[in-house]
């Protein structure tokens, strides 16, 4: 399936129910009036999967209530099981090589396999810019070889690093946007309340964001603490204080915290 974008062709979007991909979905359907083909990869080991699926349903319901013309542009979500994505040794070898040089999440091993074995090209991946810390080194490096085509960035075919071919099937429409910019745009276009139905926590506790996983930490540190419950904000602050103490001890040359009774 060739998913390169033309006006009458659905935009194939990896939709996790999270902030970035939900923003992209809403902007495409509500603002640009473009059809969207959401794609979701279900990982049965991921603690947040049910919350992500629930968020997707909530977003669809809200769009149907507020933007009936836009909801007709949202195709039924294509769901794939991560455990059933065919093996591709070439892709796995590139992932291992690149992850030996950079920190790279495990999803970037099976997402390229999903795209390649499903015949997808031009699949949109919602990777944003963090305005409060430097971009992850692997995506800063990738950015050197991205070129703009059709309103989004994609990998230059002349890229000299074969490991980066891991990203050959993807497009990056939000590469230069921050979450704050998405929030401002959602307010201007009247879908902020729908965007806030998205999910972000990787390790929910009793159905609420945990406060200490990577997306919760990002929410706390990027000005989105209002999305984190009070108890989880307290958990974050305790976790952040412990991290700060450990950094101070490392700088002081201490190998570990002293144990009681020593």
Protein backbone atom coordinates (compact mmCIF):
# COMPACT_ATOMS: atom_id res chain seq x y z
CA UNK A 1 0.00 0.00 0.00
CA UNK A 2 1.47 3.30 -1.07
CA UNK A 3 0.46 5.90 1.52
CA UNK A 4 2.15 8.98 0.05
CA UNK A 5 -0.22 11.86 0.44
CA UNK A 6 -2.46 13.23 -2.26
CA UNK A 7 -5.64 15.14 -1.49
CA UNK A 8 -8.05 12.26 -2.18
CA UNK A 9 -5.96 9.60 -0.44
CA UNK A 10 -6.11 8.93 3.32
CA UNK A 11 -3.09 9.97 5.33
CA UNK A 12 -1.72 6.84 6.99
CA UNK A 13 -0.96 7.80 10.58
CA UNK A 14 0.46 5.74 13.41
CA UNK A 15 -2.03 6.61 16.14
CA UNK A 16 -1.28 5.61 19.72
CA UNK A 17 -3.98 7.67 21.40
CA UNK A 18 -1.18 9.92 22.71
CA UNK A 19 -0.89 13.70 22.50
CA UNK A 20 1.26 14.06 19.38
CA UNK A 21 -0.47 11.55 17.10
CA UNK A 22 -3.93 12.64 18.33
CA UNK A 23 -3.06 16.25 17.55
CA UNK A 24 -1.99 15.25 14.05
CA UNK A 25 -5.16 13.24 13.52
CA UNK A 26 -7.38 16.12 14.66
CA UNK A 27 -5.50 18.72 12.64
CA UNK A 28 -5.77 16.61 9.48
CA UNK A 29 -9.49 15.91 9.86
CA UNK A 30 -10.79 19.08 11.51
CA UNK A 31 -8.53 21.78 10.05
CA UNK A 32 -7.29 20.35 6.75
CA UNK A 33 -10.40 18.27 5.97
CA UNK A 34 -8.22 15.36 4.87
CA UNK A 35 -9.13 11.69 5.27
CA UNK A 36 -7.04 9.78 7.80
CA UNK A 37 -6.24 6.08 8.05
CA UNK A 38 -5.22 5.51 11.69
CA UNK A 39 -2.95 2.55 12.37
CA UNK A 40 -2.41 1.09 15.83
CA UNK A 41 0.05 -1.62 16.85
CA UNK A 42 -1.13 -3.49 19.92
CA UNK A 43 1.59 -4.73 22.24
CA UNK A 44 0.04 -7.09 24.80
CA UNK A 45 2.99 -6.47 27.15
CA UNK A 46 2.36 -2.72 27.24
CA UNK A 47 0.56 -1.74 30.44
CA UNK A 48 -1.10 1.27 28.84
CA UNK A 49 -2.65 -0.46 25.81
CA UNK A 50 -6.23 -0.51 27.12
CA UNK A 51 -5.97 3.14 28.16
CA UNK A 52 -4.71 4.07 24.69
CA UNK A 53 -7.59 2.23 23.01
CA UNK A 54 -10.07 3.88 25.37
CA UNK A 55 -8.59 7.29 24.55
CA UNK A 56 -9.02 6.64 20.83
CA UNK A 57 -12.69 5.80 21.32
CA UNK A 58 -13.19 8.91 23.46
CA UNK A 59 -11.55 11.09 20.81
CA UNK A 60 -13.71 9.61 18.04
CA UNK A 61 -16.86 10.12 20.10
CA UNK A 62 -15.95 13.74 20.81
CA UNK A 63 -15.18 14.45 17.16
CA UNK A 64 -18.52 12.89 16.15
CA UNK A 65 -20.36 15.14 18.60
CA UNK A 66 -18.56 18.37 17.71
CA UNK A 67 -17.31 17.93 14.15
CA UNK A 68 -19.63 15.54 12.30
CA UNK A 69 -18.05 16.32 8.93
CA UNK A 70 -14.59 15.54 10.29
CA UNK A 71 -15.54 12.23 11.88
CA UNK A 72 -16.49 10.95 8.44
CA UNK A 73 -12.89 11.50 7.39
CA UNK A 74 -11.58 9.14 10.08
CA UNK A 75 -11.33 5.63 8.68
CA UNK A 76 -11.71 2.62 10.99
CA UNK A 77 -8.44 2.05 12.80
CA UNK A 78 -6.30 -0.73 11.35
CA UNK A 79 -5.05 -2.79 14.27
CA UNK A 80 -1.93 -4.96 14.16
CA UNK A 81 -0.58 -7.24 16.86
CA UNK A 82 3.09 -6.60 17.54
CA UNK A 83 3.59 -10.29 18.30
CA UNK A 84 2.40 -11.19 14.79
CA UNK A 85 4.52 -8.78 12.75
CA UNK A 86 6.70 -10.93 10.46
CA UNK A 87 10.41 -11.17 11.16
CA UNK A 88 12.73 -9.18 8.90
CA UNK A 89 16.37 -9.88 9.71
CA UNK A 90 17.63 -6.93 7.68
CA UNK A 91 15.47 -4.52 9.67
CA UNK A 92 16.43 -6.09 12.99
CA UNK A 93 20.12 -5.93 12.08
CA UNK A 94 19.82 -2.22 11.30
CA UNK A 95 18.01 -1.61 14.57
CA UNK A 96 20.71 -3.42 16.54
CA UNK A 97 23.45 -1.52 14.77
CA UNK A 98 21.80 1.88 15.29
CA UNK A 99 20.85 1.15 18.92
CA UNK A 100 24.47 0.22 19.64
CA UNK A 101 25.33 3.82 18.76
CA UNK A 102 22.28 5.65 20.15
CA UNK A 103 19.61 5.07 22.72
CA UNK A 104 16.63 3.87 20.70
CA UNK A 105 13.29 2.50 21.89
CA UNK A 106 12.35 -1.07 21.08
CA UNK A 107 9.34 0.07 19.04
CA UNK A 108 11.76 1.20 16.35
CA UNK A 109 12.61 -2.43 15.72
CA UNK A 110 9.05 -3.60 15.05
CA UNK A 111 7.52 -0.43 13.58
CA UNK A 112 9.78 -0.61 10.50
CA UNK A 113 8.96 -4.31 10.19
CA UNK A 114 5.26 -3.46 10.31
CA UNK A 115 5.63 -0.81 7.61
CA UNK A 116 7.78 -3.00 5.36
CA UNK A 117 5.73 -6.19 5.62
CA UNK A 118 2.45 -4.29 5.16
CA UNK A 119 3.72 -2.55 2.04
CA UNK A 120 3.38 0.92 3.57
CA UNK A 121 5.36 3.95 2.49
CA UNK A 122 4.90 7.49 3.76
CA UNK A 123 3.53 6.31 7.10
CA UNK A 124 3.32 9.29 9.44
CA UNK A 125 5.18 9.06 12.74
CA UNK A 126 4.43 11.81 15.27
CA UNK A 127 7.82 12.68 16.75
CA UNK A 128 7.88 16.21 18.14
CA UNK A 129 10.49 18.70 19.37
CA UNK A 130 10.97 19.07 23.10
CA UNK A 131 11.46 22.73 23.94
CA UNK A 132 12.86 22.05 27.42
CA UNK A 133 15.75 19.72 26.63
CA UNK A 134 17.90 18.80 23.61
CA UNK A 135 16.39 16.44 21.08
CA UNK A 136 17.26 12.76 21.59
CA UNK A 137 20.63 12.25 19.85
CA UNK A 138 19.32 9.62 17.46
CA UNK A 139 16.58 11.94 16.17
CA UNK A 140 18.93 14.92 16.02
CA UNK A 141 21.19 12.76 13.85
CA UNK A 142 18.25 11.58 11.75
CA UNK A 143 17.22 15.20 11.24
CA UNK A 144 20.41 15.87 9.29
CA UNK A 145 19.09 13.55 6.57
CA UNK A 146 15.43 14.56 6.46
CA UNK A 147 14.08 16.50 3.50
CA UNK A 148 10.70 18.16 3.07
CA UNK A 149 8.27 16.64 0.61
CA UNK A 150 4.54 17.35 0.51
CA UNK A 151 4.42 19.24 3.80
CA UNK A 152 6.30 16.70 5.92
CA UNK A 153 9.84 15.50 6.40
CA UNK A 154 11.08 12.15 5.16
CA UNK A 155 14.41 10.40 4.78
CA UNK A 156 16.64 11.56 1.96
CA UNK A 157 17.16 8.65 -0.44
CA UNK A 158 20.86 9.59 -0.63
CA UNK A 159 21.46 9.08 3.10
CA UNK A 160 25.00 7.70 3.51
CA UNK A 161 24.30 5.82 6.76
CA UNK A 162 22.57 2.54 5.92
CA UNK A 163 21.34 2.18 9.51
CA UNK A 164 19.05 5.18 9.00
CA UNK A 165 17.19 3.23 6.33
CA UNK A 166 15.31 1.92 9.33
CA UNK A 167 13.19 5.09 8.89
CA UNK A 168 12.73 4.91 5.14
CA UNK A 169 8.98 4.13 5.32
CA UNK A 170 8.08 7.05 7.58
CA UNK A 171 7.22 10.73 7.38
CA UNK A 172 7.69 13.19 10.24
CA UNK A 173 5.06 15.96 10.09
CA UNK A 174 5.64 17.23 13.66
CA UNK A 175 9.44 17.11 13.78
CA UNK A 176 9.78 20.86 14.38
CA UNK A 177 6.67 21.33 16.54
CA UNK A 178 6.50 21.34 20.34
CA UNK A 179 3.64 20.16 22.53
CA UNK A 180 3.04 23.76 23.58
CA UNK A 181 2.67 24.81 19.95
CA UNK A 182 0.19 21.96 19.43
CA UNK A 183 -1.76 23.09 22.50
CA UNK A 184 -1.94 26.67 21.19
CA UNK A 185 -3.03 25.49 17.74
CA UNK A 186 -5.68 23.21 19.21
CA UNK A 187 -7.13 26.17 21.11
CA UNK A 188 -7.19 28.31 17.98
CA UNK A 189 -8.98 25.61 16.01
CA UNK A 190 -11.40 24.62 18.75
CA UNK A 191 -10.38 21.05 19.50
CA UNK A 192 -8.27 21.50 22.65
CA UNK A 193 -10.81 19.72 24.86
CA UNK A 194 -10.79 16.76 22.47
CA UNK A 195 -6.99 16.65 22.40
CA UNK A 196 -7.00 16.52 26.20
CA UNK A 197 -8.77 13.16 25.96
CA UNK A 198 -5.51 11.63 24.71
CA UNK A 199 -3.49 9.30 26.94
CA UNK A 200 0.20 9.53 27.84
CA UNK A 201 1.24 7.34 30.79
CA UNK A 202 3.14 4.09 30.17
CA UNK A 203 2.59 2.61 33.66
CA UNK A 204 -0.84 3.67 34.93
CA UNK A 205 -1.67 3.13 38.60
CA UNK A 206 -5.31 2.45 39.38
CA UNK A 207 -6.27 3.90 36.02
CA UNK A 208 -4.41 7.17 36.55
CA UNK A 209 -1.06 8.48 35.23
CA UNK A 210 1.77 7.21 37.46
CA UNK A 211 3.89 10.39 37.59
CA UNK A 212 7.26 8.63 37.15
CA UNK A 213 7.31 7.04 33.69
CA UNK A 214 9.00 8.87 30.83
CA UNK A 215 5.81 10.49 29.38
CA UNK A 216 4.65 11.53 32.87
CA UNK A 217 8.03 13.14 33.54
CA UNK A 218 7.76 14.93 30.19
CA UNK A 219 4.28 16.17 31.13
CA UNK A 220 5.58 17.52 34.45
CA UNK A 221 8.61 19.18 32.88
CA UNK A 222 7.02 20.56 29.70
CA UNK A 223 4.28 22.60 31.37
CA UNK A 224 1.56 19.92 31.33
CA UNK A 225 1.48 19.13 35.06
CA UNK A 226 -2.26 19.93 34.99
CA UNK A 227 -2.73 16.57 33.23
CA UNK A 228 -1.13 14.66 36.10
CA UNK A 229 -3.23 13.92 39.24
CA UNK A 230 -2.11 15.47 42.52
CA UNK A 231 -0.95 12.18 44.06
CA UNK A 232 1.09 11.43 40.93
CA UNK A 233 2.60 14.92 40.94
CA UNK A 234 3.78 14.25 44.51
CA UNK A 235 5.23 10.94 43.35
CA UNK A 236 7.06 12.75 40.55
CA UNK A 237 8.54 15.32 42.94
CA UNK A 238 9.79 12.56 45.25
CA UNK A 239 11.28 10.74 42.27
CA UNK A 240 12.88 13.94 40.94
CA UNK A 241 14.37 14.73 44.36
CA UNK A 242 15.86 11.25 44.58
CA UNK A 243 17.36 11.63 41.08
CA UNK A 244 18.85 15.00 42.01
CA UNK A 245 20.37 13.56 45.17
CA UNK A 246 21.92 10.69 43.27
CA UNK A 247 23.44 13.13 40.78
CA UNK A 248 24.94 15.15 43.61
CA UNK A 249 26.40 12.02 45.22
CA UNK A 250 27.89 10.86 41.92
CA UNK A 251 29.50 14.22 41.41
CA UNK A 252 30.87 14.00 44.95
CA UNK A 253 32.38 10.64 44.09
CA UNK A 254 30.01 8.48 46.14
CA UNK A 255 29.22 5.17 44.48
CA UNK A 256 25.88 4.66 46.23
CA UNK A 257 23.70 5.81 49.09
CA UNK A 258 24.95 4.60 52.50
CA UNK A 259 23.13 1.59 53.92
CA UNK A 260 21.61 1.50 57.40
CA UNK A 261 23.70 -0.41 59.93
CA UNK A 262 27.03 0.01 58.07
